Amino acid sequence: MPANLPPQYLEAERHYREAKSTRKPIPGMMPFENVQIQLVDVPPINFEIGEAWLSPMVRNADALIIMVDLNGDPLAQMEEVLADWRGFE
């Protein structure tokens, strides 16, 4: 691992080694050309619980990446996520 990594990356790397899953939102910065892009890794979303921090975070975002498990049926998973998201306001 390179020695000049930012502290957020090192914290996230340690977290993944220990927990294997994100437990709280972890922010990080990604350089792209001449700008810094903020990325936030969030825990798996459970729409039945309705995390209070999720809706404002997504509404303030410029983009959203939804990850699905390619070992299963990714289209069905995506349809389920979108159906859940429509009901989560």
PDB file of N, CA and C in Angstrom:
ATOM      1  N   MET A   1       0.845  -1.170   0.000  1.00  0.00           N
ATOM      2  CA  MET A   1       0.000   0.000   0.000  1.00  0.00           C
ATOM      3  C   MET A   1       0.896   1.240   0.000  1.00  0.00           C
ATOM      4  N   PRO A   2       0.630   2.220  -0.881  1.00  0.00           N
ATOM      5  CA  PRO A   2       1.457   3.425  -0.921  1.00  0.00           C
ATOM      6  C   PRO A   2       1.430   4.181   0.404  1.00  0.00           C
ATOM      7  N   ALA A   3       2.526   4.837   0.724  1.00  0.00           N
ATOM      8  CA  ALA A   3       2.657   5.532   2.004  1.00  0.00           C
ATOM      9  C   ALA A   3       1.928   6.874   2.025  1.00  0.00           C
ATOM     10  N   ASN A   4       1.595   7.446   0.873  1.00  0.00           N
ATOM     11  CA  ASN A   4       1.024   8.787   0.841  1.00  0.00           C
ATOM     12  C   ASN A   4      -0.505   8.792   0.720  1.00  0.00           C
ATOM     13  N   LEU A   5      -1.169   7.757   1.195  1.00  0.00           N
ATOM     14  CA  LEU A   5      -2.627   7.700   1.128  1.00  0.00           C
ATOM     15  C   LEU A   5      -3.243   8.613   2.182  1.00  0.00           C
ATOM     16  N   PRO A   6      -4.406   9.221   1.860  1.00  0.00           N
ATOM     17  CA  PRO A   6      -5.048  10.092   2.849  1.00  0.00           C
ATOM     18  C   PRO A   6      -5.572   9.285   4.030  1.00  0.00           C
ATOM     19  N   PRO A   7      -5.695   9.931   5.190  1.00  0.00           N
ATOM     20  CA  PRO A   7      -6.157   9.226   6.388  1.00  0.00           C
ATOM     21  C   PRO A   7      -7.526   8.571   6.215  1.00  0.00           C
ATOM     22  N   GLN A   8      -8.435   9.209   5.438  1.00  0.00           N
ATOM     23  CA  GLN A   8      -9.759   8.622   5.241  1.00  0.00           C
ATOM     24  C   GLN A   8      -9.646   7.264   4.561  1.00  0.00           C
ATOM     25  N   TYR A   9      -8.734   7.143   3.593  1.00  0.00           N
ATOM     26  CA  TYR A   9      -8.564   5.873   2.887  1.00  0.00           C
ATOM     27  C   TYR A   9      -8.034   4.813   3.840  1.00  0.00           C
ATOM     28  N   LEU A  10      -7.070   5.201   4.660  1.00  0.00           N
ATOM     29  CA  LEU A  10      -6.486   4.245   5.600  1.00  0.00           C
ATOM     30  C   LEU A  10      -7.524   3.776   6.614  1.00  0.00           C
ATOM     31  N   GLU A  11      -8.370   4.708   7.092  1.00  0.00           N
ATOM     32  CA  GLU A  11      -9.428   4.349   8.039  1.00  0.00           C
ATOM     33  C   GLU A  11     -10.426   3.405   7.376  1.00  0.00           C
ATOM     34  N   ALA A  12     -10.821   3.699   6.141  1.00  0.00           N
ATOM     35  CA  ALA A  12     -11.769   2.841   5.431  1.00  0.00           C
ATOM     36  C   ALA A  12     -11.163   1.454   5.188  1.00  0.00           C
ATOM     37  N   GLU A  13      -9.900   1.410   4.823  1.00  0.00           N
ATOM     38  CA  GLU A  13      -9.228   0.131   4.577  1.00  0.00           C
ATOM     39  C   GLU A  13      -9.194  -0.708   5.848  1.00  0.00           C
ATOM     40  N   ARG A  14      -8.858  -0.097   6.975  1.00  0.00           N
ATOM     41  CA  ARG A  14      -8.845  -0.818   8.252  1.00  0.00           C
ATOM     42  C   ARG A  14     -10.258  -1.300   8.602  1.00  0.00           C
ATOM     43  N   HIS A  15     -11.222  -0.453   8.361  1.00  0.00           N
ATOM     44  CA  HIS A  15     -12.615  -0.786   8.657  1.00  0.00           C
ATOM     45  C   HIS A  15     -13.055  -2.008   7.852  1.00  0.00           C
ATOM     46  N   TYR A  16     -12.748  -2.039   6.559  1.00  0.00           N
ATOM     47  CA  TYR A  16     -13.157  -3.163   5.713  1.00  0.00           C
ATOM     48  C   TYR A  16     -12.461  -4.461   6.117  1.00  0.00           C
ATOM     49  N   ARG A  17     -11.202  -4.368   6.491  1.00  0.00           N
ATOM     50  CA  ARG A  17     -10.487  -5.579   6.925  1.00  0.00           C
ATOM     51  C   ARG A  17     -11.142  -6.165   8.168  1.00  0.00           C
ATOM     52  N   GLU A  18     -11.589  -5.310   9.080  1.00  0.00           N
ATOM     53  CA  GLU A  18     -12.152  -5.782  10.343  1.00  0.00           C
ATOM     54  C   GLU A  18     -13.629  -6.149  10.242  1.00  0.00           C
ATOM     55  N   ALA A  19     -14.425  -5.362   9.539  1.00  0.00           N
ATOM     56  CA  ALA A  19     -15.879  -5.535   9.585  1.00  0.00           C
ATOM     57  C   ALA A  19     -16.459  -6.225   8.354  1.00  0.00           C
ATOM     58  N   LYS A  20     -15.813  -6.146   7.223  1.00  0.00           N
ATOM     59  CA  LYS A  20     -16.293  -6.702   5.955  1.00  0.00           C
ATOM     60  C   LYS A  20     -17.538  -6.007   5.433  1.00  0.00           C
ATOM     61  N   SER A  21     -18.052  -5.009   6.143  1.00  0.00           N
ATOM     62  CA  SER A  21     -19.201  -4.241   5.676  1.00  0.00           C
ATOM     63  C   SER A  21     -19.162  -2.873   6.343  1.00  0.00           C
ATOM     64  N   THR A  22     -19.649  -1.881   5.639  1.00  0.00           N
ATOM     65  CA  THR A  22     -19.698  -0.530   6.177  1.00  0.00           C
ATOM     66  C   THR A  22     -20.787  -0.449   7.240  1.00  0.00           C
ATOM     67  N   ARG A  23     -20.463   0.140   8.387  1.00  0.00           N
ATOM     68  CA  ARG A  23     -21.441   0.271   9.474  1.00  0.00           C
ATOM     69  C   ARG A  23     -21.976   1.683   9.606  1.00  0.00           C
ATOM     70  N   LYS A  24     -21.218   2.658   9.130  1.00  0.00           N
ATOM     71  CA  LYS A  24     -21.642   4.056   9.169  1.00  0.00           C
ATOM     72  C   LYS A  24     -21.116   4.723   7.902  1.00  0.00           C
ATOM     73  N   PRO A  25     -21.705   5.842   7.479  1.00  0.00           N
ATOM     74  CA  PRO A  25     -21.199   6.518   6.281  1.00  0.00           C
ATOM     75  C   PRO A  25     -19.735   6.917   6.445  1.00  0.00           C
ATOM     76  N   ILE A  26     -18.927   6.592   5.442  1.00  0.00           N
ATOM     77  CA  ILE A  26     -17.503   6.923   5.459  1.00  0.00           C
ATOM     78  C   ILE A  26     -17.209   7.819   4.257  1.00  0.00           C
ATOM     79  N   PRO A  27     -16.887   9.110   4.497  1.00  0.00           N
ATOM     80  CA  PRO A  27     -16.566   9.997   3.383  1.00  0.00           C
ATOM     81  C   PRO A  27     -15.120   9.821   2.920  1.00  0.00           C
ATOM     82  N   GLY A  28     -14.899  10.141   1.671  1.00  0.00           N
ATOM     83  CA  GLY A  28     -13.553  10.106   1.110  1.00  0.00           C
ATOM     84  C   GLY A  28     -13.497  11.037  -0.086  1.00  0.00           C
ATOM     85  N   MET A  29     -12.299  11.363  -0.533  1.00  0.00           N
ATOM     86  CA  MET A  29     -12.114  12.245  -1.683  1.00  0.00           C
ATOM     87  C   MET A  29     -11.399  11.483  -2.795  1.00  0.00           C
ATOM     88  N   MET A  30     -11.837  11.728  -4.037  1.00  0.00           N
ATOM     89  CA  MET A  30     -11.231  11.100  -5.198  1.00  0.00           C
ATOM     90  C   MET A  30     -10.808  12.199  -6.158  1.00  0.00           C
ATOM     91  N   PRO A  31      -9.500  12.288  -6.459  1.00  0.00           N
ATOM     92  CA  PRO A  31      -9.079  13.295  -7.440  1.00  0.00           C
ATOM     93  C   PRO A  31      -9.460  12.854  -8.857  1.00  0.00           C
ATOM     94  N   PHE A  32      -9.975  13.788  -9.634  1.00  0.00           N
ATOM     95  CA  PHE A  32     -10.296  13.537 -11.036  1.00  0.00           C
ATOM     96  C   PHE A  32      -9.932  14.792 -11.809  1.00  0.00           C
ATOM     97  N   GLU A  33      -8.956  14.659 -12.694  1.00  0.00           N
ATOM     98  CA  GLU A  33      -8.411  15.786 -13.447  1.00  0.00           C
ATOM     99  C   GLU A  33      -8.036  16.893 -12.477  1.00  0.00           C
ATOM    100  N   ASN A  34      -8.707  18.056 -12.519  1.00  0.00           N
ATOM    101  CA  ASN A  34      -8.306  19.149 -11.618  1.00  0.00           C
ATOM    102  C   ASN A  34      -9.332  19.427 -10.524  1.00  0.00           C
ATOM    103  N   VAL A  35     -10.179  18.438 -10.210  1.00  0.00           N
ATOM    104  CA  VAL A  35     -11.173  18.611  -9.152  1.00  0.00           C
ATOM    105  C   VAL A  35     -11.120  17.442  -8.173  1.00  0.00           C
ATOM    106  N   GLN A  36     -11.649  17.677  -6.994  1.00  0.00           N
ATOM    107  CA  GLN A  36     -11.794  16.634  -5.988  1.00  0.00           C
ATOM    108  C   GLN A  36     -13.271  16.242  -5.942  1.00  0.00           C
ATOM    109  N   ILE A  37     -13.563  14.966  -5.994  1.00  0.00           N
ATOM    110  CA  ILE A  37     -14.927  14.469  -5.929  1.00  0.00           C
ATOM    111  C   ILE A  37     -15.105  13.774  -4.590  1.00  0.00           C
ATOM    112  N   GLN A  38     -16.152  14.165  -3.851  1.00  0.00           N
ATOM    113  CA  GLN A  38     -16.403  13.517  -2.571  1.00  0.00           C
ATOM    114  C   GLN A  38     -17.245  12.271  -2.798  1.00  0.00           C
ATOM    115  N   LEU A  39     -16.793  11.161  -2.233  1.00  0.00           N
ATOM    116  CA  LEU A  39     -17.522   9.902  -2.260  1.00  0.00           C
ATOM    117  C   LEU A  39     -17.901   9.551  -0.830  1.00  0.00           C
ATOM    118  N   VAL A  40     -19.079   8.984  -0.642  1.00  0.00           N
ATOM    119  CA  VAL A  40     -19.500   8.540   0.687  1.00  0.00           C
ATOM    120  C   VAL A  40     -19.949   7.091   0.569  1.00  0.00           C
ATOM    121  N   ASP A  41     -19.238   6.216   1.251  1.00  0.00           N
ATOM    122  CA  ASP A  41     -19.608   4.801   1.296  1.00  0.00           C
ATOM    123  C   ASP A  41     -20.598   4.643   2.440  1.00  0.00           C
ATOM    124  N   VAL A  42     -21.796   4.169   2.115  1.00  0.00           N
ATOM    125  CA  VAL A  42     -22.841   4.041   3.138  1.00  0.00           C
ATOM    126  C   VAL A  42     -23.101   2.569   3.445  1.00  0.00           C
ATOM    127  N   PRO A  43     -23.646   2.281   4.626  1.00  0.00           N
ATOM    128  CA  PRO A  43     -23.983   0.894   4.972  1.00  0.00           C
ATOM    129  C   PRO A  43     -25.060   0.345   4.040  1.00  0.00           C
ATOM    130  N   PRO A  44     -25.214  -0.962   4.015  1.00  0.00           N
ATOM    131  CA  PRO A  44     -26.331  -1.526   3.247  1.00  0.00           C
ATOM    132  C   PRO A  44     -27.641  -0.897   3.710  1.00  0.00           C
ATOM    133  N   ILE A  45     -28.508  -0.584   2.769  1.00  0.00           N
ATOM    134  CA  ILE A  45     -29.743   0.126   3.079  1.00  0.00           C
ATOM    135  C   ILE A  45     -30.857  -0.864   3.376  1.00  0.00           C
ATOM    136  N   ASN A  46     -31.518  -0.656   4.510  1.00  0.00           N
ATOM    137  CA  ASN A  46     -32.683  -1.457   4.882  1.00  0.00           C
ATOM    138  C   ASN A  46     -33.881  -0.519   4.905  1.00  0.00           C
ATOM    139  N   PHE A  47     -34.709  -0.586   3.876  1.00  0.00           N
ATOM    140  CA  PHE A  47     -35.825   0.345   3.760  1.00  0.00           C
ATOM    141  C   PHE A  47     -36.903   0.094   4.810  1.00  0.00           C
ATOM    142  N   GLU A  48     -36.948  -1.094   5.416  1.00  0.00           N
ATOM    143  CA  GLU A  48     -37.935  -1.380   6.454  1.00  0.00           C
ATOM    144  C   GLU A  48     -37.646  -0.585   7.721  1.00  0.00           C
ATOM    145  N   ILE A  49     -36.375  -0.328   7.985  1.00  0.00           N
ATOM    146  CA  ILE A  49     -35.984   0.444   9.167  1.00  0.00           C
ATOM    147  C   ILE A  49     -36.110   1.937   8.885  1.00  0.00           C
ATOM    148  N   GLY A  50     -35.698   2.369   7.697  1.00  0.00           N
ATOM    149  CA  GLY A  50     -35.791   3.782   7.314  1.00  0.00           C
ATOM    150  C   GLY A  50     -34.809   4.657   8.057  1.00  0.00           C
ATOM    151  N   GLU A  51     -33.531   4.530   7.747  1.00  0.00           N
ATOM    152  CA  GLU A  51     -32.505   5.327   8.395  1.00  0.00           C
ATOM    153  C   GLU A  51     -32.758   6.819   8.157  1.00  0.00           C
ATOM    154  N   ALA A  52     -32.744   7.624   9.221  1.00  0.00           N
ATOM    155  CA  ALA A  52     -33.063   9.044   9.124  1.00  0.00           C
ATOM    156  C   ALA A  52     -32.030   9.828   8.335  1.00  0.00           C
ATOM    157  N   TRP A  53     -30.777   9.398   8.328  1.00  0.00           N
ATOM    158  CA  TRP A  53     -29.710  10.136   7.650  1.00  0.00           C
ATOM    159  C   TRP A  53     -29.717   9.921   6.144  1.00  0.00           C
ATOM    160  N   LEU A  54     -30.384   8.864   5.671  1.00  0.00           N
ATOM    161  CA  LEU A  54     -30.273   8.475   4.269  1.00  0.00           C
ATOM    162  C   LEU A  54     -30.925   9.461   3.305  1.00  0.00           C
ATOM    163  N   SER A  55     -32.162   9.825   3.554  1.00  0.00           N
ATOM    164  CA  SER A  55     -32.897  10.672   2.613  1.00  0.00           C
ATOM    165  C   SER A  55     -32.223  12.025   2.384  1.00  0.00           C
ATOM    166  N   PRO A  56     -31.832  12.780   3.429  1.00  0.00           N
ATOM    167  CA  PRO A  56     -31.153  14.061   3.178  1.00  0.00           C
ATOM    168  C   PRO A  56     -29.819  13.890   2.458  1.00  0.00           C
ATOM    169  N   MET A  57     -29.101  12.806   2.769  1.00  0.00           N
ATOM    170  CA  MET A  57     -27.809  12.585   2.121  1.00  0.00           C
ATOM    171  C   MET A  57     -27.981  12.380   0.618  1.00  0.00           C
ATOM    172  N   VAL A  58     -28.964  11.579   0.248  1.00  0.00           N
ATOM    173  CA  VAL A  58     -29.189  11.298  -1.171  1.00  0.00           C
ATOM    174  C   VAL A  58     -29.730  12.525  -1.884  1.00  0.00           C
ATOM    175  N   ARG A  59     -30.605  13.271  -1.241  1.00  0.00           N
ATOM    176  CA  ARG A  59     -31.169  14.473  -1.875  1.00  0.00           C
ATOM    177  C   ARG A  59     -30.114  15.532  -2.143  1.00  0.00           C
ATOM    178  N   ASN A  60     -29.087  15.605  -1.319  1.00  0.00           N
ATOM    179  CA  ASN A  60     -28.026  16.593  -1.508  1.00  0.00           C
ATOM    180  C   ASN A  60     -26.934  16.105  -2.458  1.00  0.00           C
ATOM    181  N   ALA A  61     -27.009  14.864  -2.872  1.00  0.00           N
ATOM    182  CA  ALA A  61     -25.975  14.306  -3.762  1.00  0.00           C
ATOM    183  C   ALA A  61     -26.217  14.719  -5.206  1.00  0.00           C
ATOM    184  N   ASP A  62     -25.139  14.836  -5.958  1.00  0.00           N
ATOM    185  CA  ASP A  62     -25.235  15.111  -7.393  1.00  0.00           C
ATOM    186  C   ASP A  62     -25.388  13.828  -8.189  1.00  0.00           C
ATOM    187  N   ALA A  63     -24.964  12.711  -7.622  1.00  0.00           N
ATOM    188  CA  ALA A  63     -25.053  11.416  -8.308  1.00  0.00           C
ATOM    189  C   ALA A  63     -25.203  10.322  -7.256  1.00  0.00           C
ATOM    190  N   LEU A  64     -25.722   9.184  -7.688  1.00  0.00           N
ATOM    191  CA  LEU A  64     -25.931   8.050  -6.799  1.00  0.00           C
ATOM    192  C   LEU A  64     -25.530   6.781  -7.544  1.00  0.00           C
ATOM    193  N   ILE A  65     -24.743   5.949  -6.908  1.00  0.00           N
ATOM    194  CA  ILE A  65     -24.354   4.656  -7.483  1.00  0.00           C
ATOM    195  C   ILE A  65     -24.999   3.573  -6.630  1.00  0.00           C
ATOM    196  N   ILE A  66     -25.764   2.704  -7.277  1.00  0.00           N
ATOM    197  CA  ILE A  66     -26.402   1.597  -6.569  1.00  0.00           C
ATOM    198  C   ILE A  66     -25.688   0.321  -6.974  1.00  0.00           C
ATOM    199  N   MET A  67     -25.191  -0.410  -5.987  1.00  0.00           N
ATOM    200  CA  MET A  67     -24.458  -1.646  -6.246  1.00  0.00           C
ATOM    201  C   MET A  67     -25.376  -2.831  -5.999  1.00  0.00           C
ATOM    202  N   VAL A  68     -25.320  -3.822  -6.889  1.00  0.00           N
ATOM    203  CA  VAL A  68     -26.078  -5.055  -6.720  1.00  0.00           C
ATOM    204  C   VAL A  68     -25.116  -6.234  -6.819  1.00  0.00           C
ATOM    205  N   ASP A  69     -25.550  -7.392  -6.348  1.00  0.00           N
ATOM    206  CA  ASP A  69     -24.737  -8.602  -6.358  1.00  0.00           C
ATOM    207  C   ASP A  69     -24.884  -9.291  -7.712  1.00  0.00           C
ATOM    208  N   LEU A  70     -23.790  -9.358  -8.470  1.00  0.00           N
ATOM    209  CA  LEU A  70     -23.832  -9.973  -9.798  1.00  0.00           C
ATOM    210  C   LEU A  70     -23.918 -11.487  -9.741  1.00  0.00           C
ATOM    211  N   ASN A  71     -23.735 -12.082  -8.570  1.00  0.00           N
ATOM    212  CA  ASN A  71     -23.885 -13.531  -8.433  1.00  0.00           C
ATOM    213  C   ASN A  71     -25.351 -13.945  -8.404  1.00  0.00           C
ATOM    214  N   GLY A  72     -26.219 -13.004  -8.064  1.00  0.00           N
ATOM    215  CA  GLY A  72     -27.660 -13.280  -8.038  1.00  0.00           C
ATOM    216  C   GLY A  72     -28.285 -12.802  -9.338  1.00  0.00           C
ATOM    217  N   ASP A  73     -29.501 -12.316  -9.250  1.00  0.00           N
ATOM    218  CA  ASP A  73     -30.214 -11.761 -10.403  1.00  0.00           C
ATOM    219  C   ASP A  73     -30.145 -10.241 -10.295  1.00  0.00           C
ATOM    220  N   PRO A  74     -29.182  -9.598 -10.967  1.00  0.00           N
ATOM    221  CA  PRO A  74     -28.996  -8.157 -10.783  1.00  0.00           C
ATOM    222  C   PRO A  74     -30.199  -7.317 -11.215  1.00  0.00           C
ATOM    223  N   LEU A  75     -30.904  -7.719 -12.265  1.00  0.00           N
ATOM    224  CA  LEU A  75     -32.064  -6.937 -12.700  1.00  0.00           C
ATOM    225  C   LEU A  75     -33.183  -6.982 -11.664  1.00  0.00           C
ATOM    226  N   ALA A  76     -33.427  -8.158 -11.098  1.00  0.00           N
ATOM    227  CA  ALA A  76     -34.453  -8.280 -10.057  1.00  0.00           C
ATOM    228  C   ALA A  76     -34.051  -7.481  -8.824  1.00  0.00           C
ATOM    229  N   GLN A  77     -32.775  -7.512  -8.462  1.00  0.00           N
ATOM    230  CA  GLN A  77     -32.304  -6.750  -7.311  1.00  0.00           C
ATOM    231  C   GLN A  77     -32.494  -5.256  -7.542  1.00  0.00           C
ATOM    232  N   MET A  78     -32.178  -4.798  -8.743  1.00  0.00           N
ATOM    233  CA  MET A  78     -32.312  -3.379  -9.063  1.00  0.00           C
ATOM    234  C   MET A  78     -33.774  -2.959  -9.034  1.00  0.00           C
ATOM    235  N   GLU A  79     -34.660  -3.788  -9.577  1.00  0.00           N
ATOM    236  CA  GLU A  79     -36.088  -3.487  -9.537  1.00  0.00           C
ATOM    237  C   GLU A  79     -36.582  -3.400  -8.093  1.00  0.00           C
ATOM    238  N   GLU A  80     -36.092  -4.289  -7.240  1.00  0.00           N
ATOM    239  CA  GLU A  80     -36.479  -4.274  -5.826  1.00  0.00           C
ATOM    240  C   GLU A  80     -35.992  -3.006  -5.130  1.00  0.00           C
ATOM    241  N   VAL A  81     -34.743  -2.632  -5.404  1.00  0.00           N
ATOM    242  CA  VAL A  81     -34.188  -1.411  -4.804  1.00  0.00           C
ATOM    243  C   VAL A  81     -34.989  -0.193  -5.252  1.00  0.00           C
ATOM    244  N   LEU A  82     -35.278  -0.100  -6.554  1.00  0.00           N
ATOM    245  CA  LEU A  82     -36.028   1.051  -7.052  1.00  0.00           C
ATOM    246  C   LEU A  82     -37.446   1.089  -6.494  1.00  0.00           C
ATOM    247  N   ALA A  83     -38.113  -0.074  -6.363  1.00  0.00           N
ATOM    248  CA  ALA A  83     -39.448  -0.113  -5.779  1.00  0.00           C
ATOM    249  C   ALA A  83     -39.397   0.335  -4.318  1.00  0.00           C
ATOM    250  N   ASP A  84     -38.408  -0.142  -3.571  1.00  0.00           N
ATOM    251  CA  ASP A  84     -38.255   0.280  -2.175  1.00  0.00           C
ATOM    252  C   ASP A  84     -37.979   1.779  -2.083  1.00  0.00           C
ATOM    253  N   TRP A  85     -37.143   2.270  -2.995  1.00  0.00           N
ATOM    254  CA  TRP A  85     -36.758   3.682  -2.958  1.00  0.00           C
ATOM    255  C   TRP A  85     -37.963   4.590  -3.216  1.00  0.00           C
ATOM    256  N   ARG A  86     -38.849   4.165  -4.121  1.00  0.00           N
ATOM    257  CA  ARG A  86     -40.040   4.961  -4.411  1.00  0.00           C
ATOM    258  C   ARG A  86     -40.932   5.109  -3.182  1.00  0.00           C
ATOM    259  N   GLY A  87     -40.938   4.108  -2.317  1.00  0.00           N
ATOM    260  CA  GLY A  87     -41.766   4.165  -1.123  1.00  0.00           C
ATOM    261  C   GLY A  87     -41.089   4.831   0.065  1.00  0.00           C
ATOM    262  N   PHE A  88     -39.828   5.204  -0.077  1.00  0.00           N
ATOM    263  CA  PHE A  88     -39.048   5.787   1.012  1.00  0.00           C
ATOM    264  C   PHE A  88     -38.908   7.275   0.795  1.00  0.00           C
ATOM    265  N   GLU A  89     -39.743   8.047   1.422  1.00  0.00           N
ATOM    266  CA  GLU A  89     -39.683   9.510   1.246  1.00  0.00           C
ATOM    267  C   GLU A  89     -39.502  10.176   2.570  1.00  0.00           C
TER     268      GLU A  89
END
